[in-house]
Structure formats: structure tokens, C-alpha cells
Protein backbone atom coordinates (compact mmCIF):
# COMPACT_ATOMS: atom_id res chain seq x y z
CA UNK A 1 0.00 0.00 0.00
CA UNK A 2 2.94 2.32 0.68
CA UNK A 3 4.09 1.71 -2.87
CA UNK A 4 0.77 2.78 -4.35
CA UNK A 5 0.53 5.86 -2.12
CA UNK A 6 4.02 6.97 -3.08
CA UNK A 7 3.63 6.28 -6.79
CA UNK A 8 -0.07 6.92 -7.40
CA UNK A 9 0.66 9.60 -10.03
CA UNK A 10 2.69 7.14 -12.06
CA UNK A 11 0.04 4.42 -11.74
CA UNK A 12 -2.67 6.89 -12.78
CA UNK A 13 -0.61 8.10 -15.74
CA UNK A 14 0.09 4.53 -16.80
CA UNK A 15 -3.59 3.61 -16.52
CA UNK A 16 -4.64 6.58 -18.66
CA UNK A 17 -1.95 5.95 -21.28
CA UNK A 18 -2.65 2.21 -21.45
CA UNK A 19 -6.40 2.85 -21.72
CA UNK A 20 -5.83 5.32 -24.55
CA UNK A 21 -3.49 2.85 -26.25
CA UNK A 22 -6.19 0.19 -25.98
CA UNK A 23 -8.79 2.52 -27.50
CA UNK A 24 -6.45 3.49 -30.32
CA UNK A 25 -5.56 -0.15 -30.93
CA UNK A 26 -9.24 -1.08 -31.17
CA UNK A 27 -9.70 1.67 -33.77
CA UNK A 28 -6.91 0.34 -35.98
CA UNK A 29 -9.07 -2.65 -36.89
CA UNK A 30 -10.99 -0.41 -39.27
CA UNK A 31 -7.87 0.61 -41.18
CA UNK A 32 -6.50 -1.20 -44.23
CA UNK A 33 -3.71 -3.61 -43.31
CA UNK A 34 -0.97 -1.46 -44.86
CA UNK A 35 -2.18 1.76 -43.18
CA UNK A 36 -2.49 0.24 -39.72
CA UNK A 37 1.08 -1.03 -39.46
CA UNK A 38 2.63 2.23 -38.31
CA UNK A 39 -0.04 3.13 -35.69
CA UNK A 40 0.14 -0.38 -34.24
CA UNK A 41 3.93 -0.16 -33.99
CA UNK A 42 3.61 3.21 -32.22
CA UNK A 43 1.02 1.77 -29.83
CA UNK A 44 3.35 -1.10 -28.94
CA UNK A 45 6.20 1.36 -28.35
CA UNK A 46 3.98 3.52 -26.11
CA UNK A 47 2.85 0.49 -24.09
CA UNK A 48 6.47 -0.71 -23.75
CA UNK A 49 7.74 2.66 -22.49
CA UNK A 50 4.76 3.09 -20.15
CA UNK A 51 5.49 -0.25 -18.52
CA UNK A 52 9.20 0.61 -18.44
CA UNK A 53 8.38 3.90 -16.66
CA UNK A 54 6.37 2.05 -14.03
CA UNK A 55 9.10 -0.53 -13.46
CA UNK A 56 11.71 2.23 -13.16
CA UNK A 57 9.67 4.12 -10.57
CA UNK A 58 8.93 0.96 -8.59
CA UNK A 59 12.64 0.06 -8.55
CA UNK A 60 13.54 3.59 -7.43
CA UNK A 61 11.00 3.34 -4.62
CA UNK A 62 12.17 -0.11 -3.52
CA UNK A 63 15.85 0.87 -3.64
CA UNK A 64 15.53 4.36 -2.16
CA UNK A 65 16.81 3.32 1.27
CA UNK A 66 19.78 1.35 -0.01
CA UNK A 67 23.15 3.09 0.14
CA UNK A 68 24.27 4.46 -3.19
CA UNK A 69 27.74 4.30 -4.65
CA UNK A 70 29.45 7.64 -5.06
CA UNK A 71 29.51 8.90 -8.61
CA UNK A 72 32.56 10.57 -10.03
CA UNK A 73 30.65 13.27 -11.86
CA UNK A 74 28.03 15.50 -10.35
CA UNK A 75 24.77 15.44 -12.31
CA UNK A 76 23.52 18.80 -13.56
CA UNK A 77 20.50 20.09 -11.69
CA UNK A 78 18.44 20.22 -14.89
CA UNK A 79 18.52 16.41 -15.05
CA UNK A 80 17.18 15.79 -11.55
CA UNK A 81 13.60 14.89 -10.71
CA UNK A 82 12.89 18.31 -9.23
CA UNK A 83 10.54 20.42 -11.31
CA UNK A 84 11.27 24.12 -11.34
CA UNK A 85 8.93 27.05 -11.74
CA UNK A 86 6.81 27.12 -14.88
CA UNK A 87 7.62 30.02 -17.17
CA UNK A 88 4.10 30.89 -18.30
CA UNK A 89 5.26 33.47 -20.84
CA UNK A 90 7.57 30.94 -22.46
CA UNK A 91 4.77 28.35 -22.48
CA UNK A 92 2.36 30.87 -24.03
CA UNK A 93 4.85 31.85 -26.74
CA UNK A 94 5.48 28.18 -27.51
CA UNK A 95 1.72 27.59 -27.74
CA UNK A 96 1.50 30.50 -30.21
CA UNK A 97 4.33 28.92 -32.21
CA UNK A 98 2.36 25.66 -32.36
CA UNK A 99 -0.73 27.59 -33.51
CA UNK A 100 1.25 29.30 -36.27
CA UNK A 101 2.66 25.92 -37.30
CA UNK A 102 -0.80 24.35 -37.56
CA UNK A 103 -2.24 27.40 -39.34
CA UNK A 104 0.52 27.54 -41.99
CA UNK A 105 0.90 23.78 -42.50
CA UNK A 106 -1.65 23.44 -45.29
CA UNK A 107 -0.74 26.58 -47.21
CA UNK A 108 3.06 26.40 -47.05
CA UNK A 109 3.39 22.62 -46.83
CA UNK A 110 4.67 20.11 -44.31
CA UNK A 111 8.22 19.89 -45.62
CA UNK A 112 8.69 23.67 -45.41
CA UNK A 113 6.87 24.49 -42.17
CA UNK A 114 8.00 21.52 -40.08
CA UNK A 115 11.77 22.10 -40.36
CA UNK A 116 11.29 25.80 -39.62
CA UNK A 117 9.07 24.95 -36.64
CA UNK A 118 11.45 22.34 -35.22
CA UNK A 119 14.51 24.56 -35.54
CA UNK A 120 12.70 27.62 -34.15
CA UNK A 121 11.25 25.59 -31.25
CA UNK A 122 14.53 23.96 -30.28
CA UNK A 123 16.38 27.26 -30.45
CA UNK A 124 13.67 29.13 -28.51
CA UNK A 125 13.50 26.45 -25.82
CA UNK A 126 17.32 26.15 -25.81
CA UNK A 127 17.01 22.38 -25.67
CA UNK A 128 20.06 21.40 -27.71
CA UNK A 129 22.81 22.74 -29.95
CA UNK A 130 22.15 24.03 -33.47
CA UNK A 131 24.06 21.06 -34.91
CA UNK A 132 21.87 18.56 -33.04
CA UNK A 133 18.75 20.51 -33.94
CA UNK A 134 19.59 20.35 -37.64
CA UNK A 135 20.39 16.63 -37.42
CA UNK A 136 17.09 15.96 -35.63
CA UNK A 137 15.19 18.06 -38.16
CA UNK A 138 16.71 16.34 -41.19
CA UNK A 139 16.34 12.88 -39.63
CA UNK A 140 12.73 13.43 -38.60
CA UNK A 141 11.67 14.82 -41.97
CA UNK A 142 13.47 12.03 -43.81
CA UNK A 143 11.74 9.50 -41.56
CA UNK A 144 8.31 11.04 -42.21
CA UNK A 145 8.96 11.17 -45.95
CA UNK A 146 10.10 7.55 -46.17
CA UNK A 147 7.42 6.10 -43.88
CA UNK A 148 4.36 8.15 -44.77
CA UNK A 149 4.97 9.20 -48.36
CA UNK A 150 6.98 6.30 -49.80
CA UNK A 151 6.03 3.29 -47.63
CA UNK A 152 2.40 4.01 -46.67
CA UNK A 153 1.55 6.26 -49.65
CA UNK A 154 -0.32 8.68 -47.39
CA UNK A 155 -0.94 12.25 -48.50
CA UNK A 156 1.12 14.94 -46.80
CA UNK A 157 0.14 18.62 -47.14
CA UNK A 158 2.62 19.84 -49.75
CA UNK A 159 1.43 23.47 -49.92
CA UNK A 160 3.47 25.55 -52.33
CA UNK A 161 5.63 22.53 -53.24
CA UNK A 162 2.72 20.81 -55.02
């Protein structure tokens, strides 16, 4: 019972995510076999990582009283479990960026708007270096092109590129 009280947020999150995954999985039955491959793979990945998250939190709880070995390097504070203050202005500006992305997607096209959005978002949020941002952007767009356009033959909003 102590375990559940300490980790109830994780159990609740896992229950919600697994329920949603079940609902989404049940909806894939209506899709053609070729079109449902990718959503089913994503659902399996989500279920796997949800279970992994629960196991990780349970192991942390069980092992919290055991002595820990000293680490040579000190971990940066940004990687700890502590959550800092929410910057509401930054969150609002990011939400506006998402709105602009969605609004311009159809007219300008996915392969123009998405790289601009990813690079602008990563730079605004200062989440990684410009080099990594560009690699992520190119890799993600290449992945989307190969999977959705070439493999699944699904339409992507091309905008001015069409």
C-alpha cells in the first residue's frame, strides 16, 4: 500500500496511457492492413515505455533506502527529478508557435513548415545545440517522408511545393 501511495501519479498516468493505447488499438481494426502497421507499432512502443516507466519508478521506490555508490561526476540540476517554476510566458509563446505551425501547415506545406518549426522551437527552448537541432530536423523529416509518403503512400500537405 505504501508503494501505491508513493507512486499513485505514475500508476494513474500509466492507466490513462494504457487505456488510450487500448482505445487506439481497437480503432486500428478499421484501417487497411498497410495503413495500420505504423499506428500499431507506435502503440506497442507507447505500451512498452509506459510499462518501463512504471518498473523504473517501482525500482527507485524499492531501492531508495539502499546506500548508493558515489559517482565521479556531479549530475547537472536540470537532469534531476525536481521540477522548477513554470515560465508561463515561455509556455504561451510556444503555444503561439504551435498555432502558427498548424495554421501555416496546409498553405506552405509540411516539408517547409516543419523544419522551420522544429529549428525555431529547439532554439527558442534552448534544448540542444544548433548542430543537433539540424540533425534531428533532417532525420525526422526524412523518416516522415520515407514512412508516410513512400512506404504508406499517405498524402502529406505539400502546400506551395505541389
